[in-house]
C-alpha atoms as a PDB file:
ATOM      1  CA  MET A   1      50.516 113.703 129.402  1.00  0.00           C
ATOM      2  CA  GLU A   2      50.903 116.498 126.875  1.00  0.00           C
ATOM      3  CA  THR A   3      52.861 118.562 129.384  1.00  0.00           C
ATOM      4  CA  LEU A   4      55.239 115.690 130.037  1.00  0.00           C
ATOM      5  CA  ASN A   5      55.755 115.131 126.311  1.00  0.00           C
ATOM      6  CA  SER A   6      56.439 118.792 125.656  1.00  0.00           C
ATOM      7  CA  LYS A   7      59.038 118.833 128.425  1.00  0.00           C
ATOM      8  CA  ALA A   8      60.688 115.764 127.000  1.00  0.00           C
ATOM      9  CA  LEU A   9      60.797 117.399 123.574  1.00  0.00           C
ATOM     10  CA  ASP A  10      62.318 120.552 125.072  1.00  0.00           C
ATOM     11  CA  THR A  11      65.195 118.596 126.641  1.00  0.00           C
ATOM     12  CA  PRO A  12      68.173 118.791 124.261  1.00  0.00           C
ATOM     13  CA  VAL A  13      69.563 115.317 123.524  1.00  0.00           C
ATOM     14  CA  ALA A  14      73.080 115.132 122.184  1.00  0.00           C
ATOM     15  CA  THR A  15      75.381 112.366 121.015  1.00  0.00           C
ATOM     16  CA  ARG A  16      79.130 112.643 120.993  1.00  0.00           C
ATOM     17  CA  ILE A  17      81.853 110.224 119.972  1.00  0.00           C
ATOM     18  CA  VAL A  18      85.193 110.069 121.789  1.00  0.00           C
ATOM     19  CA  ALA A  19      87.820 108.331 119.667  1.00  0.00           C
ATOM     20  CA  VAL A  20      90.494 106.580 121.724  1.00  0.00           C
ATOM     21  CA  PRO A  21      93.945 106.536 120.029  1.00  0.00           C
ATOM     22  CA  PRO A  22      95.152 103.057 118.961  1.00  0.00           C
ATOM     23  CA  SER A  23      98.165 103.473 121.273  1.00  0.00           C
ATOM     24  CA  ILE A  24      95.846 103.355 124.313  1.00  0.00           C
ATOM     25  CA  ASP A  25      94.840  99.915 125.532  1.00  0.00           C
ATOM     26  CA  MET A  26      91.090  99.982 126.269  1.00  0.00           C
ATOM     27  CA  VAL A  27      91.641  97.763 129.336  1.00  0.00           C
ATOM     28  CA  ASN A  28      93.829 100.523 130.817  1.00  0.00           C
ATOM     29  CA  LEU A  29      91.086 103.079 130.140  1.00  0.00           C
ATOM     30  CA  LEU A  30      88.045 101.060 131.221  1.00  0.00           C
ATOM     31  CA  GLY A  31      89.781  99.102 133.971  1.00  0.00           C
ATOM     32  CA  PRO A  32      90.146  95.396 134.684  1.00  0.00           C
ATOM     33  CA  ARG A  33      86.706  93.757 134.325  1.00  0.00           C
ATOM     34  CA  ASP A  34      85.400  97.223 133.338  1.00  0.00           C
ATOM     35  CA  ASP A  35      85.816  98.491 136.928  1.00  0.00           C
ATOM     36  CA  PHE A  36      86.550 102.082 135.810  1.00  0.00           C
ATOM     37  CA  LEU A  37      83.676 101.991 133.322  1.00  0.00           C
ATOM     38  CA  ARG A  38      81.248 101.106 136.114  1.00  0.00           C
ATOM     39  CA  ILE A  39      82.462 104.115 138.142  1.00  0.00           C
ATOM     40  CA  LEU A  40      81.979 106.340 135.088  1.00  0.00           C
ATOM     41  CA  GLU A  41      78.478 104.979 134.443  1.00  0.00           C
ATOM     42  CA  GLU A  42      77.509 105.665 138.067  1.00  0.00           C
ATOM     43  CA  ARG A  43      78.939 109.195 138.199  1.00  0.00           C
ATOM     44  CA  LEU A  44      78.275 110.495 134.664  1.00  0.00           C
ATOM     45  CA  ARG A  45      74.632 111.260 133.910  1.00  0.00           C
ATOM     46  CA  CYS A  46      74.516 110.024 130.317  1.00  0.00           C
ATOM     47  CA  ASP A  47      74.473 106.726 128.390  1.00  0.00           C
ATOM     48  CA  ILE A  48      77.909 105.289 127.626  1.00  0.00           C
ATOM     49  CA  HIS A  49      78.448 102.716 124.872  1.00  0.00           C
ATOM     50  CA  VAL A  50      81.877 101.361 123.999  1.00  0.00           C
ATOM     51  CA  ARG A  51      82.664  99.674 120.716  1.00  0.00           C
ATOM     52  CA  GLY A  52      86.257  99.067 119.804  1.00  0.00           C
ATOM     53  CA  GLY A  53      88.155 102.328 120.232  1.00  0.00           C
ATOM     54  CA  ARG A  54      85.004 104.477 120.006  1.00  0.00           C
ATOM     55  CA  ILE A  55      83.035 105.678 123.027  1.00  0.00           C
ATOM     56  CA  SER A  56      79.517 106.951 122.302  1.00  0.00           C
ATOM     57  CA  LEU A  57      77.955 109.351 124.804  1.00  0.00           C
ATOM     58  CA  THR A  58      74.220 110.152 124.640  1.00  0.00           C
ATOM     59  CA  GLY A  59      72.054 112.317 126.866  1.00  0.00           C
ATOM     60  CA  ASP A  60      71.565 115.917 127.954  1.00  0.00           C
ATOM     61  CA  ALA A  61      73.934 118.146 125.984  1.00  0.00           C
ATOM     62  CA  SER A  62      75.666 119.584 129.071  1.00  0.00           C
ATOM     63  CA  GLU A  63      76.126 116.131 130.657  1.00  0.00           C
ATOM     64  CA  VAL A  64      77.486 114.717 127.408  1.00  0.00           C
ATOM     65  CA  GLY A  65      79.989 117.575 127.236  1.00  0.00           C
ATOM     66  CA  ARG A  66      81.044 116.880 130.836  1.00  0.00           C
ATOM     67  CA  ALA A  67      81.455 113.160 130.133  1.00  0.00           C
ATOM     68  CA  ALA A  68      83.477 113.824 126.974  1.00  0.00           C
ATOM     69  CA  GLU A  69      85.790 116.087 128.981  1.00  0.00           C
ATOM     70  CA  VAL A  70      86.295 113.340 131.586  1.00  0.00           C
ATOM     71  CA  PHE A  71      87.146 110.704 128.967  1.00  0.00           C
ATOM     72  CA  THR A  72      89.497 113.120 127.188  1.00  0.00           C
ATOM     73  CA  GLU A  73      91.313 113.838 130.467  1.00  0.00           C
ATOM     74  CA  LEU A  74      91.625 110.100 131.229  1.00  0.00           C
ATOM     75  CA  VAL A  75      93.088 109.428 127.793  1.00  0.00           C
ATOM     76  CA  THR A  76      95.542 112.318 128.190  1.00  0.00           C
ATOM     77  CA  ILE A  77      96.701 110.991 131.573  1.00  0.00           C
ATOM     78  CA  LEU A  78      97.305 107.560 130.045  1.00  0.00           C
ATOM     79  CA  ARG A  79      99.288 109.132 127.203  1.00  0.00           C
ATOM     80  CA  THR A  80     101.679 110.657 129.753  1.00  0.00           C
ATOM     81  CA  GLY A  81     102.575 107.124 130.821  1.00  0.00           C
ATOM     82  CA  GLN A  82     100.725 107.325 134.141  1.00  0.00           C
ATOM     83  CA  GLY A  83      98.347 104.469 134.959  1.00  0.00           C
ATOM     84  CA  LEU A  84      94.772 104.851 136.159  1.00  0.00           C
ATOM     85  CA  THR A  85      93.198 103.618 139.384  1.00  0.00           C
ATOM     86  CA  GLY A  86      89.623 103.794 140.629  1.00  0.00           C
ATOM     87  CA  GLU A  87      90.665 106.710 142.843  1.00  0.00           C
ATOM     88  CA  THR A  88      92.169 108.548 139.861  1.00  0.00           C
ATOM     89  CA  VAL A  89      88.931 108.144 137.889  1.00  0.00           C
ATOM     90  CA  GLU A  90      86.945 109.522 140.842  1.00  0.00           C
ATOM     91  CA  ARG A  91      89.361 112.470 141.105  1.00  0.00           C
ATOM     92  CA  VAL A  92      89.092 113.265 137.375  1.00  0.00           C
ATOM     93  CA  ILE A  93      85.287 113.402 137.656  1.00  0.00           C
ATOM     94  CA  GLN A  94      85.490 115.619 140.759  1.00  0.00           C
ATOM     95  CA  LEU A  95      87.955 117.972 139.066  1.00  0.00           C
ATOM     96  CA  ALA A  96      85.724 118.202 135.993  1.00  0.00           C
ATOM     97  CA  ASP A  97      82.870 119.247 138.300  1.00  0.00           C
ATOM     98  CA  ASP A  98      85.179 121.905 139.791  1.00  0.00           C
ATOM     99  CA  GLY A  99      86.050 123.183 136.302  1.00  0.00           C
ATOM    100  CA  ALA A 100      89.729 122.242 136.712  1.00  0.00           C
ATOM    101  CA  SER A 101      92.112 120.429 134.397  1.00  0.00           C
ATOM    102  CA  ALA A 102      92.727 116.949 135.801  1.00  0.00           C
ATOM    103  CA  THR A 103      95.723 116.453 133.528  1.00  0.00           C
ATOM    104  CA  GLU A 104      97.428 119.597 134.809  1.00  0.00           C
ATOM    105  CA  ILE A 105      96.879 118.619 138.456  1.00  0.00           C
ATOM    106  CA  LEU A 106      97.268 114.838 138.493  1.00  0.00           C
ATOM    107  CA  THR A 107     100.456 114.830 136.423  1.00  0.00           C
ATOM    108  CA  GLN A 108     102.235 117.543 138.477  1.00  0.00           C
ATOM    109  CA  ASN A 109     104.955 115.399 140.045  1.00  0.00           C
ATOM    110  CA  ILE A 110     106.650 116.818 143.145  1.00  0.00           C
ATOM    111  CA  VAL A 111     109.046 114.091 144.251  1.00  0.00           C
ATOM    112  CA  SER A 112     109.582 110.389 143.501  1.00  0.00           C
ATOM    113  CA  ALA A 113     111.125 107.672 145.665  1.00  0.00           C
ATOM    114  CA  ARG A 114     111.100 103.877 145.477  1.00  0.00           C
ATOM    115  CA  GLY A 115     108.701 103.853 142.532  1.00  0.00           C
ATOM    116  CA  LYS A 116     106.172 106.126 144.234  1.00  0.00           C
ATOM    117  CA  THR A 117     105.426 109.642 143.044  1.00  0.00           C
ATOM    118  CA  VAL A 118     103.904 112.348 145.247  1.00  0.00           C
ATOM    119  CA  ARG A 119     101.579 114.757 143.444  1.00  0.00           C
ATOM    120  CA  PRO A 120      98.513 116.901 144.263  1.00  0.00           C
ATOM    121  CA  LYS A 121      95.205 115.114 143.750  1.00  0.00           C
ATOM    122  CA  THR A 122      92.629 117.897 144.100  1.00  0.00           C
ATOM    123  CA  LEU A 123      92.245 121.507 142.972  1.00  0.00           C
ATOM    124  CA  ASN A 124      92.794 122.882 146.494  1.00  0.00           C
ATOM    125  CA  GLN A 125      95.890 120.717 146.906  1.00  0.00           C
ATOM    126  CA  LYS A 126      97.299 122.150 143.676  1.00  0.00           C
ATOM    127  CA  ARG A 127      96.591 125.691 144.908  1.00  0.00           C
ATOM    128  CA  TYR A 128      98.354 124.804 148.164  1.00  0.00           C
ATOM    129  CA  VAL A 129     101.418 123.423 146.346  1.00  0.00           C
ATOM    130  CA  ASP A 130     101.525 126.461 144.037  1.00  0.00           C
ATOM    131  CA  ALA A 131     101.283 128.788 147.065  1.00  0.00           C
ATOM    132  CA  ILE A 132     104.332 127.083 148.609  1.00  0.00           C
ATOM    133  CA  ASP A 133     106.247 127.798 145.401  1.00  0.00           C
ATOM    134  CA  GLN A 134     105.152 131.433 145.305  1.00  0.00           C
ATOM    135  CA  HIS A 135     105.242 132.554 148.976  1.00  0.00           C
ATOM    136  CA  THR A 136     107.733 132.536 151.835  1.00  0.00           C
ATOM    137  CA  VAL A 137     105.181 131.655 154.542  1.00  0.00           C
ATOM    138  CA  VAL A 138     102.208 129.392 153.814  1.00  0.00           C
ATOM    139  CA  PHE A 139      99.459 128.169 156.131  1.00  0.00           C
ATOM    140  CA  GLY A 140      97.705 124.927 155.158  1.00  0.00           C
ATOM    141  CA  ILE A 141      94.485 124.621 157.166  1.00  0.00           C
ATOM    142  CA  GLY A 142      92.107 121.689 156.879  1.00  0.00           C
ATOM    143  CA  PRO A 143      90.867 118.403 158.349  1.00  0.00           C
ATOM    144  CA  ALA A 144      92.844 115.189 158.737  1.00  0.00           C
ATOM    145  CA  GLY A 145      93.680 113.322 155.553  1.00  0.00           C
ATOM    146  CA  THR A 146      93.791 116.313 153.204  1.00  0.00           C
ATOM    147  CA  GLY A 147      97.537 115.968 152.574  1.00  0.00           C
ATOM    148  CA  LYS A 148      98.612 119.202 154.280  1.00  0.00           C
ATOM    149  CA  THR A 149     101.724 117.811 155.965  1.00  0.00           C
ATOM    150  CA  TYR A 150     102.483 115.193 153.326  1.00  0.00           C
ATOM    151  CA  LEU A 151     102.573 117.694 150.460  1.00  0.00           C
ATOM    152  CA  ALA A 152     104.587 120.184 152.544  1.00  0.00           C
ATOM    153  CA  MET A 153     107.102 117.421 153.242  1.00  0.00           C
ATOM    154  CA  ALA A 154     107.272 116.585 149.529  1.00  0.00           C
ATOM    155  CA  LYS A 155     107.972 120.232 148.667  1.00  0.00           C
ATOM    156  CA  ALA A 156     110.681 120.324 151.358  1.00  0.00           C
ATOM    157  CA  VAL A 157     112.404 117.234 149.932  1.00  0.00           C
ATOM    158  CA  GLN A 158     112.098 118.704 146.423  1.00  0.00           C
ATOM    159  CA  ALA A 159     113.715 121.974 147.591  1.00  0.00           C
ATOM    160  CA  LEU A 160     116.539 120.058 149.289  1.00  0.00           C
ATOM    161  CA  GLN A 161     117.201 117.912 146.212  1.00  0.00           C
ATOM    162  CA  ALA A 162     117.249 121.043 144.019  1.00  0.00           C
ATOM    163  CA  LYS A 163     119.699 122.671 146.481  1.00  0.00           C
ATOM    164  CA  GLN A 164     117.291 125.567 147.062  1.00  0.00           C
ATOM    165  CA  VAL A 165     117.760 124.978 150.809  1.00  0.00           C
ATOM    166  CA  SER A 166     120.504 123.227 152.768  1.00  0.00           C
ATOM    167  CA  ARG A 167     118.337 121.616 155.442  1.00  0.00           C
ATOM    168  CA  ILE A 168     114.809 120.624 156.407  1.00  0.00           C
ATOM    169  CA  ILE A 169     113.435 121.293 159.884  1.00  0.00           C
ATOM    170  CA  LEU A 170     110.283 119.472 160.964  1.00  0.00           C
ATOM    171  CA  THR A 171     108.597 120.471 164.194  1.00  0.00           C
ATOM    172  CA  ARG A 172     105.335 120.114 166.045  1.00  0.00           C
ATOM    173  CA  PRO A 173     104.032 120.835 169.562  1.00  0.00           C
ATOM    174  CA  ALA A 174     104.658 118.051 172.087  1.00  0.00           C
ATOM    175  CA  ILE A 175     103.885 119.233 175.615  1.00  0.00           C
ATOM    176  CA  GLU A 176     101.225 121.618 174.283  1.00  0.00           C
ATOM    177  CA  ALA A 177      98.789 118.739 173.670  1.00  0.00           C
ATOM    178  CA  GLY A 178      98.137 118.479 177.424  1.00  0.00           C
ATOM    179  CA  GLU A 179     100.535 115.570 178.034  1.00  0.00           C
ATOM    180  CA  ARG A 180     103.034 115.769 180.868  1.00  0.00           C
ATOM    181  CA  LEU A 181     106.292 114.345 179.541  1.00  0.00           C
ATOM    182  CA  GLY A 182     107.752 114.018 183.026  1.00  0.00           C
ATOM    183  CA  PHE A 183     105.323 111.220 183.823  1.00  0.00           C
ATOM    184  CA  LEU A 184     106.183 109.211 180.691  1.00  0.00           C
ATOM    185  CA  PRO A 185     108.857 106.485 180.906  1.00  0.00           C
ATOM    186  CA  GLY A 186     112.210 106.616 179.098  1.00  0.00           C
ATOM    187  CA  THR A 187     114.693 109.272 178.055  1.00  0.00           C
ATOM    188  CA  LEU A 188     113.694 112.684 176.714  1.00  0.00           C
ATOM    189  CA  ASN A 189     113.994 111.369 173.140  1.00  0.00           C
ATOM    190  CA  ASP A 190     111.811 108.374 174.005  1.00  0.00           C
ATOM    191  CA  LYS A 191     109.176 110.704 175.412  1.00  0.00           C
ATOM    192  CA  ILE A 192     109.191 113.113 172.466  1.00  0.00           C
ATOM    193  CA  ASP A 193     109.509 110.567 169.649  1.00  0.00           C
ATOM    194  CA  PRO A 194     105.822 109.437 169.562  1.00  0.00           C
ATOM    195  CA  TYR A 195     104.712 113.023 168.930  1.00  0.00           C
ATOM    196  CA  LEU A 196     107.096 113.336 165.983  1.00  0.00           C
ATOM    197  CA  ARG A 197     106.476 109.880 164.483  1.00  0.00           C
ATOM    198  CA  PRO A 198     104.040 111.094 161.763  1.00  0.00           C
ATOM    199  CA  LEU A 199     106.785 113.392 160.442  1.00  0.00           C
ATOM    200  CA  TYR A 200     109.268 110.507 160.330  1.00  0.00           C
ATOM    201  CA  ASP A 201     106.692 108.368 158.495  1.00  0.00           C
ATOM    202  CA  ALA A 202     106.197 110.990 155.791  1.00  0.00           C
ATOM    203  CA  LEU A 203     109.967 111.434 155.437  1.00  0.00           C
ATOM    204  CA  HIS A 204     110.483 107.681 154.972  1.00  0.00           C
ATOM    205  CA  ASP A 205     107.922 107.703 152.136  1.00  0.00           C
ATOM    206  CA  MET A 206     109.887 110.296 150.163  1.00  0.00           C
ATOM    207  CA  VAL A 207     113.547 109.508 150.788  1.00  0.00           C
ATOM    208  CA  ASP A 208     115.402 106.228 150.277  1.00  0.00           C
ATOM    209  CA  ALA A 209     115.421 104.256 153.516  1.00  0.00           C
ATOM    210  CA  ASP A 210     119.242 104.150 153.613  1.00  0.00           C
ATOM    211  CA  SER A 211     119.464 107.938 153.337  1.00  0.00           C
ATOM    212  CA  VAL A 212     117.171 108.831 156.243  1.00  0.00           C
ATOM    213  CA  PRO A 213     119.613 107.998 159.109  1.00  0.00           C
ATOM    214  CA  LYS A 214     122.434 109.840 157.313  1.00  0.00           C
ATOM    215  CA  LEU A 215     120.273 112.938 156.804  1.00  0.00           C
ATOM    216  CA  LEU A 216     119.208 112.923 160.462  1.00  0.00           C
ATOM    217  CA  THR A 217     122.734 112.302 161.784  1.00  0.00           C
ATOM    218  CA  SER A 218     124.280 115.070 159.669  1.00  0.00           C
ATOM    219  CA  GLY A 219     121.588 117.563 160.672  1.00  0.00           C
ATOM    220  CA  THR A 220     120.410 117.999 157.075  1.00  0.00           C
ATOM    221  CA  VAL A 221     117.010 116.899 158.336  1.00  0.00           C
ATOM    222  CA  GLU A 222     116.087 117.847 161.898  1.00  0.00           C
ATOM    223  CA  VAL A 223     112.953 116.619 163.644  1.00  0.00           C
ATOM    224  CA  ALA A 224     112.345 118.381 166.948  1.00  0.00           C
ATOM    225  CA  PRO A 225     109.544 119.601 169.217  1.00  0.00           C
ATOM    226  CA  LEU A 226     108.458 123.219 168.912  1.00  0.00           C
ATOM    227  CA  ALA A 227     110.084 124.221 172.212  1.00  0.00           C
ATOM    228  CA  TYR A 228     113.512 123.516 170.645  1.00  0.00           C
ATOM    229  CA  MET A 229     112.982 126.351 168.136  1.00  0.00           C
ATOM    230  CA  ARG A 230     113.170 129.124 170.728  1.00  0.00           C
ATOM    231  CA  GLY A 231     116.124 131.508 170.364  1.00  0.00           C
ATOM    232  CA  ARG A 232     117.175 130.252 166.926  1.00  0.00           C
ATOM    233  CA  THR A 233     117.406 131.941 163.516  1.00  0.00           C
ATOM    234  CA  LEU A 234     116.878 129.419 160.719  1.00  0.00           C
ATOM    235  CA  ASN A 235     118.667 130.359 157.493  1.00  0.00           C
ATOM    236  CA  HIS A 236     118.656 128.391 154.203  1.00  0.00           C
ATOM    237  CA  ALA A 237     116.018 126.030 155.600  1.00  0.00           C
ATOM    238  CA  PHE A 238     112.612 124.626 154.723  1.00  0.00           C
ATOM    239  CA  ILE A 239     110.699 124.639 158.024  1.00  0.00           C
ATOM    240  CA  ILE A 240     107.423 122.786 158.608  1.00  0.00           C
ATOM    241  CA  LEU A 241     105.289 123.275 161.714  1.00  0.00           C
ATOM    242  CA  ASP A 242     102.715 120.481 161.977  1.00  0.00           C
ATOM    243  CA  GLU A 243      99.662 120.301 164.291  1.00  0.00           C
ATOM    244  CA  ALA A 244      99.865 124.076 164.649  1.00  0.00           C
ATOM    245  CA  GLN A 245      96.355 124.292 166.108  1.00  0.00           C
ATOM    246  CA  ASN A 246      97.986 123.192 169.391  1.00  0.00           C
ATOM    247  CA  THR A 247     100.232 126.246 169.627  1.00  0.00           C
ATOM    248  CA  SER A 248      99.367 129.270 171.732  1.00  0.00           C
ATOM    249  CA  MET A 249      99.515 132.764 170.233  1.00  0.00           C
ATOM    250  CA  GLU A 250     102.898 133.340 171.899  1.00  0.00           C
ATOM    251  CA  GLN A 251     104.326 130.097 170.523  1.00  0.00           C
ATOM    252  CA  MET A 252     103.086 130.885 167.021  1.00  0.00           C
ATOM    253  CA  LYS A 253     104.752 134.310 167.158  1.00  0.00           C
ATOM    254  CA  MET A 254     107.961 132.722 168.465  1.00  0.00           C
ATOM    255  CA  PHE A 255     107.982 130.171 165.648  1.00  0.00           C
ATOM    256  CA  LEU A 256     107.266 132.593 162.792  1.00  0.00           C
ATOM    257  CA  THR A 257     110.021 134.940 163.954  1.00  0.00           C
ATOM    258  CA  ARG A 258     112.594 132.119 163.581  1.00  0.00           C
ATOM    259  CA  LEU A 259     112.475 132.785 159.807  1.00  0.00           C
ATOM    260  CA  GLY A 260     115.935 133.544 158.422  1.00  0.00           C
ATOM    261  CA  PHE A 261     117.375 134.388 155.015  1.00  0.00           C
ATOM    262  CA  ASN A 262     116.566 132.137 152.053  1.00  0.00           C
ATOM    263  CA  SER A 263     114.153 130.094 154.163  1.00  0.00           C
ATOM    264  CA  LYS A 264     110.564 129.017 153.724  1.00  0.00           C
ATOM    265  CA  ILE A 265     107.945 128.196 156.360  1.00  0.00           C
ATOM    266  CA  VAL A 266     104.875 125.978 155.969  1.00  0.00           C
ATOM    267  CA  VAL A 267     102.431 125.785 158.888  1.00  0.00           C
ATOM    268  CA  THR A 268      99.776 123.053 158.894  1.00  0.00           C
ATOM    269  CA  GLY A 269      96.894 122.279 161.225  1.00  0.00           C
ATOM    270  CA  ASP A 270      93.190 121.690 161.771  1.00  0.00           C
ATOM    271  CA  ILE A 271      91.456 124.424 163.783  1.00  0.00           C
ATOM    272  CA  THR A 272      88.581 122.039 164.611  1.00  0.00           C
ATOM    273  CA  GLN A 273      90.910 119.745 166.608  1.00  0.00           C
ATOM    274  CA  VAL A 274      92.416 122.051 169.230  1.00  0.00           C
ATOM    275  CA  ASP A 275      93.774 120.145 172.259  1.00  0.00           C
ATOM    276  CA  LEU A 276      95.180 123.078 174.222  1.00  0.00           C
ATOM    277  CA  PRO A 277      94.482 122.876 177.972  1.00  0.00           C
ATOM    278  CA  GLY A 278      92.689 125.479 180.025  1.00  0.00           C
ATOM    279  CA  GLY A 279      90.712 126.974 177.146  1.00  0.00           C
ATOM    280  CA  GLN A 280      93.770 128.666 175.620  1.00  0.00           C
ATOM    281  CA  LYS A 281      93.269 130.321 172.247  1.00  0.00           C
ATOM    282  CA  SER A 282      94.817 128.493 169.315  1.00  0.00           C
ATOM    283  CA  GLY A 283      97.689 130.369 167.704  1.00  0.00           C
ATOM    284  CA  LEU A 284      96.669 128.950 164.319  1.00  0.00           C
ATOM    285  CA  ARG A 285      93.133 130.271 164.644  1.00  0.00           C
ATOM    286  CA  GLU A 286      94.259 133.733 165.737  1.00  0.00           C
ATOM    287  CA  VAL A 287      97.100 134.115 163.220  1.00  0.00           C
ATOM    288  CA  GLN A 288      94.606 134.279 160.364  1.00  0.00           C
ATOM    289  CA  HIS A 289      93.286 137.570 161.765  1.00  0.00           C
ATOM    290  CA  VAL A 290      96.737 138.921 162.639  1.00  0.00           C
ATOM    291  CA  LEU A 291      98.560 138.246 159.352  1.00  0.00           C
ATOM    292  CA  ASP A 292      95.762 138.234 156.791  1.00  0.00           C
ATOM    293  CA  GLY A 293      96.603 140.571 153.905  1.00  0.00           C
ATOM    294  CA  LEU A 294     100.378 140.686 154.466  1.00  0.00           C
ATOM    295  CA  ASP A 295     102.531 140.259 151.360  1.00  0.00           C
ATOM    296  CA  ASP A 296     104.348 136.960 150.802  1.00  0.00           C
ATOM    297  CA  ILE A 297     102.048 135.101 153.226  1.00  0.00           C
ATOM    298  CA  ALA A 298      99.353 132.746 151.935  1.00  0.00           C
ATOM    299  CA  PHE A 299      96.474 131.000 153.698  1.00  0.00           C
ATOM    300  CA  CYS A 300      95.228 127.834 151.962  1.00  0.00           C
ATOM    301  CA  THR A 301      92.068 126.081 153.119  1.00  0.00           C
ATOM    302  CA  LEU A 302      91.386 122.427 152.401  1.00  0.00           C
ATOM    303  CA  THR A 303      88.023 120.724 152.999  1.00  0.00           C
ATOM    304  CA  ALA A 304      86.445 117.273 153.211  1.00  0.00           C
ATOM    305  CA  ARG A 305      86.492 117.202 149.389  1.00  0.00           C
ATOM    306  CA  ASP A 306      90.296 117.160 149.551  1.00  0.00           C
ATOM    307  CA  VAL A 307      90.589 114.089 151.789  1.00  0.00           C
ATOM    308  CA  VAL A 308      92.852 111.611 150.001  1.00  0.00           C
ATOM    309  CA  ARG A 309      92.705 108.707 152.426  1.00  0.00           C
ATOM    310  CA  HIS A 310      90.047 105.995 152.217  1.00  0.00           C
ATOM    311  CA  ARG A 311      86.913 107.528 150.650  1.00  0.00           C
ATOM    312  CA  LEU A 312      85.020 106.816 153.884  1.00  0.00           C
ATOM    313  CA  VAL A 313      87.318 109.262 155.714  1.00  0.00           C
ATOM    314  CA  GLY A 314      86.011 112.110 153.563  1.00  0.00           C
ATOM    315  CA  ARG A 315      82.430 111.184 154.421  1.00  0.00           C
ATOM    316  CA  ILE A 316      83.282 110.953 158.131  1.00  0.00           C
ATOM    317  CA  VAL A 317      84.891 114.423 158.075  1.00  0.00           C
ATOM    318  CA  ALA A 318      81.906 115.885 156.205  1.00  0.00           C
ATOM    319  CA  ALA A 319      79.453 114.304 158.689  1.00  0.00           C
ATOM    320  CA  TYR A 320      81.311 115.776 161.674  1.00  0.00           C
ATOM    321  CA  ASP A 321      81.499 119.181 159.948  1.00  0.00           C
ATOM    322  CA  GLN A 322      77.720 119.114 159.479  1.00  0.00           C
ATOM    323  CA  ILE A 323      77.060 118.212 163.132  1.00  0.00           C
ATOM    324  CA  GLU A 324      79.467 120.910 164.363  1.00  0.00           C
ATOM    325  CA  SER A 325      77.751 123.509 162.144  1.00  0.00           C
ATOM    326  CA  LEU A 326      74.339 122.538 163.553  1.00  0.00           C
ATOM    327  CA  GLN A 327      75.664 122.676 167.124  1.00  0.00           C
ATOM    328  CA  ALA A 328      77.209 126.104 166.515  1.00  0.00           C
ATOM    329  CA  ALA A 329      73.931 127.386 165.050  1.00  0.00           C
ATOM    330  CA  ALA A 330      71.959 125.993 168.015  1.00  0.00           C
ATOM    331  CA  ALA A 331      74.372 127.617 170.485  1.00  0.00           C
ATOM    332  CA  ALA A 332      74.038 130.947 168.669  1.00  0.00           C
ATOM    333  CA  ASN A 333      70.218 130.688 168.823  1.00  0.00           C
ATOM    334  CA  ARG A 334      70.292 129.921 172.564  1.00  0.00           C
ATOM    335  CA  HIS A 335      72.576 132.903 173.147  1.00  0.00           C
ATOM    336  CA  ALA A 336      70.229 135.159 171.148  1.00  0.00           C
ATOM    337  CA  GLU A 337      67.201 133.913 173.120  1.00  0.00           C
ATOM    338  CA  ARG A 338      68.904 134.547 176.473  1.00  0.00           C
ATOM    339  CA  LYS A 339      69.890 138.017 175.318  1.00  0.00           C
ATOM    340  CA  GLY A 340      66.312 138.706 174.210  1.00  0.00           C
ATOM    341  CA  ARG A 341      64.903 137.774 177.628  1.00  0.00           C
ATOM    342  CA  ARG A 342      67.119 140.378 179.268  1.00  0.00           C
END
C-alpha cells in the first residue's frame, strides 16, 4: 500500500482553466447535446468540467497541457467562422497528438463551390498539398480514402481559376486493369467512361454543375484514358494520373515525359492494389526507385491515419495492412527456412 501511495504522490496533478471568449457560443464548441464534449472526454485523458465560459482541466500535467491545446485550437477554428463537426473534433485531437497545428491545417482552404470548401484534414494531407505547390511532379501514394485524387483535383481547379494553367487533364489506366474493352457493349466512349467516372465525380464536387459541360466541350478540362496521352506534349496544363499502380514501367515513363512548359503533374495510386495482368511490375512501385532524389520531384505517402471517409474505412485499411504485413513476414520466414535447408 505504501508503494502505491508513493507512486500516487509522485504523479504530478495539474489544473488549468481555458477561458472561452464571450463571442463563442458554448453550444458550437461543445456540440448539440454535448456531442463534441463526449468525444473530448473519451479521447482526452483528464477531467473536464465546464461552467459558463470556463473549462477546467485536471489531471496529469502533460495530459492537461494536451487538452488545453485541443480546446484552444477548437476555439481558434470557431473564431475563423468555420463550424465544428464530430469529425473536426476528432481531427484536432489527432493533429495535437502529431504535434501539428490544427488551425493551420483545417483552415487552409483550397477551393470552394456550392457552399462546400475543400481543405486538407490531416498533417500528411497538408504536406501533400504543400508539395504540389512547391514541386513540378508530385507522387501521392496511399490507400483508398486518403484524399489523394480529391486534393489533387482541388489544386488543379485552384490553378485553373488563378490562371496559372490554361487546362486540366485527368487520366487513368483503362485497359491496363485487365479488362478487355472490345467485349464490352457500346461505343468507345461508353466503354471507357466507367473507368473515368471517379474523376468526373470529383470534378462535379468542385465546379458549378452548369460549368462542367462547357469546360469539357471547350477542352479546358479533358478526361481521357492513359493510352490517349501517347505522342503528346502537354504545355500550360495541370495533369493528374489516377490509379497509377496499374501502369507498367513503360507507361509510367511515357506519361511523365508528356510534361511540357509551365505544366504540373500529380500522380496518385495505391501500390497495395495492383491489378496488372501477368505479374507485370507496377510503374508506380518502380518509379520510386528510379526518380528518388531528383530535384523538383516529391513523393508523399499517406496512411490509414489519413483516411477521411467513414471512420470505419480507416480501421478496415489498418486491419488489412496488418494482415498483409504478417503474411509478408511469414513468406520471408518460409523463404529463409527453405534457403537454410539447402
